[in-house]
C-alpha atoms as a PDB file:
ATOM      1  CA  UNK A   1       0.000   0.000   0.000  1.00  0.00           C
ATOM      2  CA  UNK A   2       2.834   2.402   0.891  1.00  0.00           C
ATOM      3  CA  UNK A   3       4.639   1.510  -2.337  1.00  0.00           C
ATOM      4  CA  UNK A   4       1.513   2.324  -4.361  1.00  0.00           C
ATOM      5  CA  UNK A   5       1.105   5.700  -2.644  1.00  0.00           C
ATOM      6  CA  UNK A   6       4.767   6.501  -3.195  1.00  0.00           C
ATOM      7  CA  UNK A   7       4.497   5.505  -6.850  1.00  0.00           C
ATOM      8  CA  UNK A   8       1.381   7.649  -7.339  1.00  0.00           C
ATOM      9  CA  UNK A   9       3.070  10.585  -5.570  1.00  0.00           C
ATOM     10  CA  UNK A  10       6.151  10.295  -7.806  1.00  0.00           C
ATOM     11  CA  UNK A  11       4.010  10.036 -10.914  1.00  0.00           C
ATOM     12  CA  UNK A  12       1.934  13.109  -9.993  1.00  0.00           C
ATOM     13  CA  UNK A  13       5.058  15.091  -9.115  1.00  0.00           C
ATOM     14  CA  UNK A  14       6.630  14.172 -12.454  1.00  0.00           C
ATOM     15  CA  UNK A  15       3.513  15.233 -14.355  1.00  0.00           C
ATOM     16  CA  UNK A  16       3.384  18.534 -12.458  1.00  0.00           C
ATOM     17  CA  UNK A  17       7.049  19.220 -13.230  1.00  0.00           C
ATOM     18  CA  UNK A  18       6.515  18.360 -16.886  1.00  0.00           C
ATOM     19  CA  UNK A  19       3.739  20.916 -17.223  1.00  0.00           C
ATOM     20  CA  UNK A  20       5.542  23.635 -15.238  1.00  0.00           C
ATOM     21  CA  UNK A  21       8.559  23.637 -17.593  1.00  0.00           C
ATOM     22  CA  UNK A  22       8.168  25.877 -20.613  1.00  0.00           C
ATOM     23  CA  UNK A  23       9.759  26.091 -24.033  1.00  0.00           C
ATOM     24  CA  UNK A  24      11.171  29.589 -24.474  1.00  0.00           C
ATOM     25  CA  UNK A  25      12.755  31.107 -27.553  1.00  0.00           C
ATOM     26  CA  UNK A  26      14.464  34.287 -28.677  1.00  0.00           C
ATOM     27  CA  UNK A  27      15.693  35.773 -31.955  1.00  0.00           C
ATOM     28  CA  UNK A  28      18.592  38.248 -32.024  1.00  0.00           C
ATOM     29  CA  UNK A  29      19.766  40.309 -35.005  1.00  0.00           C
ATOM     30  CA  UNK A  30      22.524  42.849 -35.442  1.00  0.00           C
ATOM     31  CA  UNK A  31      25.613  43.821 -37.353  1.00  0.00           C
ATOM     32  CA  UNK A  32      29.319  43.804 -36.545  1.00  0.00           C
ATOM     33  CA  UNK A  33      31.993  46.001 -38.052  1.00  0.00           C
ATOM     34  CA  UNK A  34      35.801  46.035 -37.985  1.00  0.00           C
ATOM     35  CA  UNK A  35      36.390  49.779 -37.905  1.00  0.00           C
ATOM     36  CA  UNK A  36      34.627  50.992 -41.080  1.00  0.00           C
ATOM     37  CA  UNK A  37      34.454  47.550 -42.749  1.00  0.00           C
ATOM     38  CA  UNK A  38      31.827  44.791 -42.276  1.00  0.00           C
ATOM     39  CA  UNK A  39      32.929  41.847 -40.106  1.00  0.00           C
ATOM     40  CA  UNK A  40      32.315  38.860 -42.415  1.00  0.00           C
ATOM     41  CA  UNK A  41      32.046  35.212 -41.433  1.00  0.00           C
ATOM     42  CA  UNK A  42      32.580  35.703 -37.694  1.00  0.00           C
ATOM     43  CA  UNK A  43      31.174  33.018 -35.405  1.00  0.00           C
ATOM     44  CA  UNK A  44      28.165  33.988 -33.256  1.00  0.00           C
ATOM     45  CA  UNK A  45      26.769  31.603 -30.637  1.00  0.00           C
ATOM     46  CA  UNK A  46      23.556  32.042 -28.647  1.00  0.00           C
ATOM     47  CA  UNK A  47      23.739  30.676 -25.095  1.00  0.00           C
ATOM     48  CA  UNK A  48      21.465  30.418 -22.090  1.00  0.00           C
ATOM     49  CA  UNK A  49      23.254  31.340 -18.851  1.00  0.00           C
ATOM     50  CA  UNK A  50      22.511  28.070 -17.006  1.00  0.00           C
ATOM     51  CA  UNK A  51      21.682  25.611 -19.803  1.00  0.00           C
ATOM     52  CA  UNK A  52      24.448  26.302 -22.304  1.00  0.00           C
ATOM     53  CA  UNK A  53      24.469  26.564 -26.072  1.00  0.00           C
ATOM     54  CA  UNK A  54      21.208  27.224 -27.888  1.00  0.00           C
ATOM     55  CA  UNK A  55      22.555  27.547 -31.458  1.00  0.00           C
ATOM     56  CA  UNK A  56      25.269  29.079 -33.604  1.00  0.00           C
ATOM     57  CA  UNK A  57      25.719  30.940 -36.877  1.00  0.00           C
ATOM     58  CA  UNK A  58      28.158  33.157 -38.781  1.00  0.00           C
ATOM     59  CA  UNK A  59      27.891  36.779 -39.841  1.00  0.00           C
ATOM     60  CA  UNK A  60      27.162  37.447 -43.507  1.00  0.00           C
ATOM     61  CA  UNK A  61      29.684  39.088 -45.822  1.00  0.00           C
ATOM     62  CA  UNK A  62      28.044  42.382 -44.761  1.00  0.00           C
ATOM     63  CA  UNK A  63      28.664  41.598 -41.059  1.00  0.00           C
ATOM     64  CA  UNK A  64      24.973  41.031 -40.272  1.00  0.00           C
ATOM     65  CA  UNK A  65      23.570  38.103 -38.337  1.00  0.00           C
ATOM     66  CA  UNK A  66      20.175  36.633 -37.490  1.00  0.00           C
ATOM     67  CA  UNK A  67      20.171  33.931 -34.830  1.00  0.00           C
ATOM     68  CA  UNK A  68      17.376  32.256 -32.906  1.00  0.00           C
ATOM     69  CA  UNK A  69      17.163  29.390 -30.480  1.00  0.00           C
ATOM     70  CA  UNK A  70      15.071  27.832 -27.761  1.00  0.00           C
ATOM     71  CA  UNK A  71      15.476  26.033 -24.450  1.00  0.00           C
ATOM     72  CA  UNK A  72      13.154  24.258 -22.036  1.00  0.00           C
ATOM     73  CA  UNK A  73      13.314  25.870 -18.618  1.00  0.00           C
ATOM     74  CA  UNK A  74      10.895  26.570 -15.761  1.00  0.00           C
ATOM     75  CA  UNK A  75      12.358  30.018 -14.973  1.00  0.00           C
ATOM     76  CA  UNK A  76      12.934  32.761 -17.551  1.00  0.00           C
ATOM     77  CA  UNK A  77      15.845  32.107 -19.879  1.00  0.00           C
ATOM     78  CA  UNK A  78      18.852  34.445 -19.612  1.00  0.00           C
ATOM     79  CA  UNK A  79      20.303  34.507 -23.146  1.00  0.00           C
ATOM     80  CA  UNK A  80      23.634  35.968 -24.216  1.00  0.00           C
ATOM     81  CA  UNK A  81      25.809  35.960 -27.333  1.00  0.00           C
ATOM     82  CA  UNK A  82      29.401  34.825 -27.702  1.00  0.00           C
ATOM     83  CA  UNK A  83      31.122  36.647 -30.546  1.00  0.00           C
ATOM     84  CA  UNK A  84      34.453  35.393 -31.872  1.00  0.00           C
ATOM     85  CA  UNK A  85      36.207  37.871 -34.129  1.00  0.00           C
ATOM     86  CA  UNK A  86      39.449  38.537 -35.967  1.00  0.00           C
ATOM     87  CA  UNK A  87      39.322  42.337 -35.871  1.00  0.00           C
ATOM     88  CA  UNK A  88      42.324  44.360 -34.771  1.00  0.00           C
ATOM     89  CA  UNK A  89      44.914  41.621 -35.130  1.00  0.00           C
ATOM     90  CA  UNK A  90      46.151  41.803 -31.530  1.00  0.00           C
ATOM     91  CA  UNK A  91      47.316  39.276 -28.943  1.00  0.00           C
ATOM     92  CA  UNK A  92      44.694  40.560 -26.460  1.00  0.00           C
ATOM     93  CA  UNK A  93      42.160  37.700 -26.068  1.00  0.00           C
ATOM     94  CA  UNK A  94      39.509  40.169 -24.877  1.00  0.00           C
ATOM     95  CA  UNK A  95      39.448  41.762 -28.315  1.00  0.00           C
ATOM     96  CA  UNK A  96      38.727  38.400 -29.980  1.00  0.00           C
ATOM     97  CA  UNK A  97      36.028  36.988 -27.699  1.00  0.00           C
ATOM     98  CA  UNK A  98      33.021  39.000 -26.604  1.00  0.00           C
ATOM     99  CA  UNK A  99      30.233  37.916 -24.292  1.00  0.00           C
ATOM    100  CA  UNK A 100      27.201  40.087 -25.030  1.00  0.00           C
ATOM    101  CA  UNK A 101      24.711  40.006 -22.174  1.00  0.00           C
ATOM    102  CA  UNK A 102      21.253  40.816 -23.524  1.00  0.00           C
ATOM    103  CA  UNK A 103      19.625  43.337 -21.195  1.00  0.00           C
ATOM    104  CA  UNK A 104      15.866  44.086 -20.920  1.00  0.00           C
ATOM    105  CA  UNK A 105      15.230  40.865 -22.823  1.00  0.00           C
ATOM    106  CA  UNK A 106      12.090  39.524 -21.140  1.00  0.00           C
ATOM    107  CA  UNK A 107       9.598  41.132 -23.545  1.00  0.00           C
ATOM    108  CA  UNK A 108      11.465  39.493 -26.467  1.00  0.00           C
ATOM    109  CA  UNK A 109      11.193  35.935 -25.171  1.00  0.00           C
ATOM    110  CA  UNK A 110       8.469  33.839 -26.795  1.00  0.00           C
ATOM    111  CA  UNK A 111       6.830  30.962 -24.867  1.00  0.00           C
ATOM    112  CA  UNK A 112       7.069  28.556 -27.817  1.00  0.00           C
ATOM    113  CA  UNK A 113       9.722  26.924 -29.997  1.00  0.00           C
ATOM    114  CA  UNK A 114       9.834  29.673 -32.659  1.00  0.00           C
ATOM    115  CA  UNK A 115      10.541  33.267 -31.622  1.00  0.00           C
ATOM    116  CA  UNK A 116       7.958  35.873 -32.586  1.00  0.00           C
ATOM    117  CA  UNK A 117       9.715  39.115 -31.562  1.00  0.00           C
ATOM    118  CA  UNK A 118      13.245  40.127 -32.548  1.00  0.00           C
ATOM    119  CA  UNK A 119      15.873  41.596 -30.216  1.00  0.00           C
ATOM    120  CA  UNK A 120      17.906  43.989 -32.400  1.00  0.00           C
ATOM    121  CA  UNK A 121      21.279  44.898 -30.891  1.00  0.00           C
ATOM    122  CA  UNK A 122      22.065  47.370 -33.677  1.00  0.00           C
ATOM    123  CA  UNK A 123      25.636  47.783 -34.975  1.00  0.00           C
ATOM    124  CA  UNK A 124      28.812  47.240 -32.944  1.00  0.00           C
ATOM    125  CA  UNK A 125      32.394  48.012 -33.927  1.00  0.00           C
ATOM    126  CA  UNK A 126      34.456  45.031 -32.744  1.00  0.00           C
ATOM    127  CA  UNK A 127      37.651  47.114 -32.699  1.00  0.00           C
ATOM    128  CA  UNK A 128      36.211  49.463 -30.080  1.00  0.00           C
ATOM    129  CA  UNK A 129      36.747  48.933 -26.360  1.00  0.00           C
ATOM    130  CA  UNK A 130      33.415  48.145 -24.658  1.00  0.00           C
ATOM    131  CA  UNK A 131      32.785  46.782 -21.194  1.00  0.00           C
ATOM    132  CA  UNK A 132      35.301  44.978 -19.006  1.00  0.00           C
ATOM    133  CA  UNK A 133      37.725  42.161 -19.671  1.00  0.00           C
ATOM    134  CA  UNK A 134      36.971  39.069 -17.563  1.00  0.00           C
ATOM    135  CA  UNK A 135      38.386  35.580 -18.039  1.00  0.00           C
ATOM    136  CA  UNK A 136      39.811  36.412 -21.460  1.00  0.00           C
ATOM    137  CA  UNK A 137      36.640  37.911 -22.937  1.00  0.00           C
ATOM    138  CA  UNK A 138      35.082  41.334 -23.159  1.00  0.00           C
ATOM    139  CA  UNK A 139      31.770  41.589 -21.308  1.00  0.00           C
ATOM    140  CA  UNK A 140      29.319  43.857 -23.173  1.00  0.00           C
ATOM    141  CA  UNK A 141      25.785  44.691 -22.046  1.00  0.00           C
ATOM    142  CA  UNK A 142      23.537  45.031 -25.110  1.00  0.00           C
ATOM    143  CA  UNK A 143      20.114  46.671 -24.984  1.00  0.00           C
ATOM    144  CA  UNK A 144      17.585  46.462 -27.818  1.00  0.00           C
ATOM    145  CA  UNK A 145      17.388  49.405 -30.158  1.00  0.00           C
ATOM    146  CA  UNK A 146      13.964  50.995 -30.273  1.00  0.00           C
ATOM    147  CA  UNK A 147      11.914  50.088 -33.324  1.00  0.00           C
END
């Protein structure tokens, strides 16, 4: 009898957890430059702070990118971009690896597999000094440009 109750309790708890976890998605667009030139074919990766990689892409020959991904998580996802670039041929690792934290992102997260809204970071010059250097990467806080 106790085993049956325990089994039923575990089953109900599992079902409740299953329905409390949501699919969440986001789409991010923007453009990267190396000084006054587009930053072509640079690797961009979309991550979730706790769950890891969501997806990856490369910038176009014009330096633009359009990336979207989704994760299953009960709390709100905290997405960020990793940008790997070859601008400003320097030995400083912070100039070649950026972590772009997406700020004010909650209204851009869609509660389904395909993102509906787009978080537009605008244009960034990868040769410029933004943010702080931590653990060999530049930390940049990106806010959406107003549409």
